[in-house]
Amino acid sequence: MSSAAEEKLILVPRTLAHTHLRWHVGAYLETQKDYCDFVLALLHGTPDFNGDSESTAEKDTLWNTEVTIRLQPDSRLGIAQQSHH
């Protein structure tokens, strides 16, 4: 990647997650005024620490929204396979 294509981002990191393939950082992107997720390995350079931010984890409504999920066995499996733990 050429230096002309590089962009300086101002991130306020809030979460770190590993997907068994790579590390992700969830952060508030000051330049976009929005919460985003980034693949940590794709961020390059040495970070500058600019102090506190107005952004807080409480303001990330999508992250803080509770959802209910229902897990069930694949219906293509036989009864014995569906009930196997």
N, C-alpha and C. Protein backbone atom coordinates (compact mmCIF):
# COMPACT_ATOMS: atom_id res chain seq x y z
N MET A 1 0.84 -1.17 0.00
CA MET A 1 0.00 0.00 0.00
C MET A 1 0.89 1.23 0.00
N SER A 2 0.62 2.17 -0.86
CA SER A 2 1.43 3.38 -0.92
C SER A 2 1.01 4.36 0.16
N SER A 3 1.90 5.29 0.48
CA SER A 3 1.59 6.25 1.53
C SER A 3 0.44 7.16 1.13
N ALA A 4 0.21 7.35 -0.17
CA ALA A 4 -0.90 8.19 -0.63
C ALA A 4 -2.24 7.55 -0.27
N ALA A 5 -2.28 6.22 -0.17
CA ALA A 5 -3.52 5.52 0.14
C ALA A 5 -3.75 5.38 1.64
N GLU A 6 -2.75 5.70 2.45
CA GLU A 6 -2.89 5.56 3.89
C GLU A 6 -3.73 6.69 4.45
N GLU A 7 -4.48 6.36 5.47
CA GLU A 7 -5.37 7.34 6.09
C GLU A 7 -5.14 7.31 7.59
N LYS A 8 -5.03 8.48 8.18
CA LYS A 8 -4.90 8.56 9.64
C LYS A 8 -6.28 8.44 10.24
N LEU A 9 -6.41 7.55 11.22
CA LEU A 9 -7.68 7.35 11.91
C LEU A 9 -7.52 7.73 13.37
N ILE A 10 -8.56 8.29 13.92
CA ILE A 10 -8.57 8.57 15.36
C ILE A 10 -9.56 7.60 15.97
N LEU A 11 -9.02 6.59 16.66
CA LEU A 11 -9.83 5.53 17.26
C LEU A 11 -9.86 5.66 18.77
N VAL A 12 -11.01 5.31 19.33
CA VAL A 12 -11.15 5.18 20.77
C VAL A 12 -11.48 3.71 21.02
N PRO A 13 -10.46 2.87 21.29
CA PRO A 13 -10.72 1.44 21.45
C PRO A 13 -11.60 1.16 22.67
N ARG A 14 -12.47 0.13 22.53
CA ARG A 14 -13.35 -0.23 23.65
C ARG A 14 -13.41 -1.72 23.87
N THR A 15 -13.23 -2.53 22.81
CA THR A 15 -13.27 -3.98 22.98
C THR A 15 -12.18 -4.64 22.13
N LEU A 16 -11.77 -5.80 22.58
CA LEU A 16 -10.80 -6.61 21.85
C LEU A 16 -11.37 -8.01 21.77
N ALA A 17 -11.42 -8.59 20.58
CA ALA A 17 -12.01 -9.92 20.42
C ALA A 17 -11.16 -10.75 19.47
N HIS A 18 -11.13 -12.06 19.75
CA HIS A 18 -10.41 -13.00 18.89
C HIS A 18 -11.40 -13.98 18.29
N THR A 19 -11.34 -14.18 16.99
CA THR A 19 -12.30 -15.06 16.30
C THR A 19 -11.70 -16.42 15.95
N HIS A 20 -10.61 -16.77 16.54
CA HIS A 20 -9.84 -17.98 16.24
C HIS A 20 -9.11 -17.88 14.91
N LEU A 21 -9.33 -16.81 14.17
CA LEU A 21 -8.60 -16.56 12.93
C LEU A 21 -7.77 -15.28 13.03
N ARG A 22 -8.33 -14.29 13.73
CA ARG A 22 -7.64 -13.00 13.83
C ARG A 22 -8.22 -12.19 14.98
N TRP A 23 -7.47 -11.15 15.34
CA TRP A 23 -7.90 -10.24 16.40
C TRP A 23 -8.65 -9.06 15.79
N HIS A 24 -9.71 -8.65 16.49
CA HIS A 24 -10.49 -7.49 16.09
C HIS A 24 -10.51 -6.50 17.24
N VAL A 25 -10.57 -5.23 16.90
CA VAL A 25 -10.75 -4.20 17.91
C VAL A 25 -12.02 -3.42 17.57
N GLY A 26 -12.88 -3.30 18.56
CA GLY A 26 -14.07 -2.47 18.41
C GLY A 26 -13.73 -1.10 18.95
N ALA A 27 -14.01 -0.07 18.17
CA ALA A 27 -13.59 1.27 18.57
C ALA A 27 -14.56 2.32 18.05
N TYR A 28 -14.55 3.46 18.71
CA TYR A 28 -15.27 4.62 18.21
C TYR A 28 -14.33 5.33 17.26
N LEU A 29 -14.77 5.57 16.06
CA LEU A 29 -13.97 6.24 15.04
C LEU A 29 -14.32 7.71 15.07
N GLU A 30 -13.42 8.51 15.64
CA GLU A 30 -13.69 9.94 15.82
C GLU A 30 -13.95 10.64 14.48
N THR A 31 -13.23 10.26 13.44
CA THR A 31 -13.39 10.94 12.15
C THR A 31 -14.75 10.69 11.52
N GLN A 32 -15.38 9.54 11.82
CA GLN A 32 -16.69 9.20 11.27
C GLN A 32 -17.82 9.41 12.27
N LYS A 33 -17.45 9.63 13.53
CA LYS A 33 -18.43 9.77 14.61
C LYS A 33 -19.35 8.55 14.68
N ASP A 34 -18.72 7.36 14.64
CA ASP A 34 -19.48 6.12 14.65
C ASP A 34 -18.62 5.01 15.25
N TYR A 35 -19.27 3.93 15.70
CA TYR A 35 -18.58 2.77 16.22
C TYR A 35 -18.31 1.79 15.09
N CYS A 36 -17.09 1.27 15.03
CA CYS A 36 -16.68 0.37 13.95
C CYS A 36 -15.83 -0.76 14.52
N ASP A 37 -15.69 -1.82 13.74
CA ASP A 37 -14.81 -2.92 14.10
C ASP A 37 -13.68 -2.98 13.08
N PHE A 38 -12.48 -3.25 13.56
CA PHE A 38 -11.30 -3.27 12.73
C PHE A 38 -10.53 -4.57 12.95
N VAL A 39 -9.92 -5.10 11.89
CA VAL A 39 -9.01 -6.23 12.01
C VAL A 39 -7.68 -5.65 12.48
N LEU A 40 -7.25 -6.06 13.65
CA LEU A 40 -6.08 -5.48 14.28
C LEU A 40 -4.84 -5.57 13.40
N ALA A 41 -4.67 -6.67 12.69
CA ALA A 41 -3.47 -6.86 11.87
C ALA A 41 -3.40 -5.86 10.70
N LEU A 42 -4.52 -5.26 10.34
CA LEU A 42 -4.53 -4.32 9.22
C LEU A 42 -4.20 -2.89 9.64
N LEU A 43 -4.11 -2.65 10.95
CA LEU A 43 -3.73 -1.33 11.43
C LEU A 43 -2.21 -1.29 11.52
N HIS A 44 -1.62 -0.26 10.96
CA HIS A 44 -0.16 -0.15 10.90
C HIS A 44 0.31 1.13 11.57
N GLY A 45 1.56 1.13 11.97
CA GLY A 45 2.16 2.33 12.52
C GLY A 45 2.12 2.34 14.03
N THR A 46 2.63 3.41 14.59
CA THR A 46 2.68 3.60 16.03
C THR A 46 1.57 4.55 16.43
N PRO A 47 0.74 4.15 17.38
CA PRO A 47 -0.37 5.03 17.76
C PRO A 47 0.10 6.25 18.56
N ASP A 48 -0.60 7.35 18.35
CA ASP A 48 -0.42 8.55 19.18
C ASP A 48 -1.54 8.54 20.21
N PHE A 49 -1.21 8.85 21.44
CA PHE A 49 -2.22 8.91 22.48
C PHE A 49 -2.59 10.37 22.70
N ASN A 50 -3.85 10.67 22.40
CA ASN A 50 -4.30 12.06 22.41
C ASN A 50 -5.16 12.42 23.60
N GLY A 51 -5.25 11.58 24.59
CA GLY A 51 -6.04 11.90 25.77
C GLY A 51 -7.43 11.32 25.73
N ASP A 52 -8.29 11.88 26.54
CA ASP A 52 -9.65 11.37 26.69
C ASP A 52 -10.53 11.72 25.49
N SER A 53 -11.63 10.97 25.39
CA SER A 53 -12.60 11.17 24.32
C SER A 53 -13.98 11.38 24.92
N GLU A 54 -14.84 11.99 24.15
CA GLU A 54 -16.23 12.17 24.56
C GLU A 54 -16.99 10.85 24.46
N SER A 55 -16.48 9.92 23.68
CA SER A 55 -17.16 8.64 23.45
C SER A 55 -16.99 7.72 24.65
N THR A 56 -18.07 7.00 24.97
CA THR A 56 -18.00 6.00 26.04
C THR A 56 -18.69 4.73 25.55
N ALA A 57 -18.42 3.64 26.20
CA ALA A 57 -19.04 2.37 25.82
C ALA A 57 -20.55 2.44 25.94
N GLU A 58 -21.05 3.22 26.88
CA GLU A 58 -22.50 3.34 27.06
C GLU A 58 -23.19 3.97 25.85
N LYS A 59 -22.47 4.77 25.09
CA LYS A 59 -23.05 5.44 23.92
C LYS A 59 -23.14 4.52 22.70
N ASP A 60 -22.50 3.37 22.75
CA ASP A 60 -22.54 2.42 21.64
C ASP A 60 -23.80 1.58 21.76
N THR A 61 -24.90 2.08 21.22
CA THR A 61 -26.20 1.44 21.40
C THR A 61 -26.27 0.07 20.74
N LEU A 62 -25.65 -0.12 19.60
CA LEU A 62 -25.69 -1.44 18.96
C LEU A 62 -24.98 -2.49 19.81
N TRP A 63 -23.85 -2.14 20.37
CA TRP A 63 -23.10 -3.07 21.22
C TRP A 63 -23.90 -3.41 22.47
N ASN A 64 -24.61 -2.45 23.00
CA ASN A 64 -25.34 -2.63 24.25
C ASN A 64 -26.77 -3.12 24.07
N THR A 65 -27.19 -3.38 22.85
CA THR A 65 -28.54 -3.88 22.60
C THR A 65 -28.58 -5.38 22.86
N GLU A 66 -29.48 -5.80 23.74
CA GLU A 66 -29.63 -7.23 24.02
C GLU A 66 -30.55 -7.85 22.98
N VAL A 67 -30.17 -9.04 22.53
CA VAL A 67 -30.99 -9.78 21.59
C VAL A 67 -31.21 -11.18 22.13
N THR A 68 -32.33 -11.76 21.77
CA THR A 68 -32.62 -13.14 22.16
C THR A 68 -32.43 -14.01 20.93
N ILE A 69 -31.68 -15.08 21.11
CA ILE A 69 -31.49 -16.01 20.00
C ILE A 69 -32.01 -17.39 20.41
N ARG A 70 -32.45 -18.13 19.44
CA ARG A 70 -32.94 -19.48 19.69
C ARG A 70 -32.10 -20.44 18.87
N LEU A 71 -31.42 -21.34 19.55
CA LEU A 71 -30.60 -22.33 18.87
C LEU A 71 -31.36 -23.64 18.81
N GLN A 72 -31.30 -24.28 17.67
CA GLN A 72 -31.96 -25.58 17.53
C GLN A 72 -31.14 -26.43 16.56
N PRO A 73 -31.26 -27.75 16.66
CA PRO A 73 -30.51 -28.64 15.77
C PRO A 73 -30.98 -28.47 14.33
N ASP A 74 -30.10 -28.77 13.43
CA ASP A 74 -30.43 -28.76 12.01
C ASP A 74 -31.50 -29.82 11.74
N SER A 75 -32.58 -29.43 11.13
CA SER A 75 -33.71 -30.35 10.89
C SER A 75 -33.35 -31.48 9.93
N ARG A 76 -32.26 -31.35 9.22
CA ARG A 76 -31.83 -32.41 8.30
C ARG A 76 -31.18 -33.58 9.05
N LEU A 77 -30.86 -33.38 10.33
CA LEU A 77 -30.26 -34.45 11.14
C LEU A 77 -31.34 -35.38 11.65
N GLY A 78 -30.98 -36.61 11.87
CA GLY A 78 -31.92 -37.57 12.47
C GLY A 78 -32.17 -37.22 13.92
N ILE A 79 -33.23 -37.80 14.51
CA ILE A 79 -33.61 -37.52 15.90
C ILE A 79 -32.45 -37.82 16.85
N ALA A 80 -31.77 -38.94 16.67
CA ALA A 80 -30.66 -39.30 17.57
C ALA A 80 -29.52 -38.26 17.46
N GLN A 81 -29.24 -37.78 16.25
CA GLN A 81 -28.20 -36.79 16.07
C GLN A 81 -28.62 -35.43 16.67
N GLN A 82 -29.88 -35.11 16.55
CA GLN A 82 -30.36 -33.83 17.07
C GLN A 82 -30.28 -33.77 18.59
N SER A 83 -30.47 -34.91 19.25
CA SER A 83 -30.49 -34.91 20.71
C SER A 83 -29.13 -35.24 21.32
N HIS A 84 -28.14 -35.58 20.52
CA HIS A 84 -26.81 -35.92 21.01
C HIS A 84 -26.11 -34.67 21.55
N HIS A 85 -25.51 -34.79 22.75
CA HIS A 85 -24.81 -33.65 23.36
C HIS A 85 -23.34 -33.78 23.18
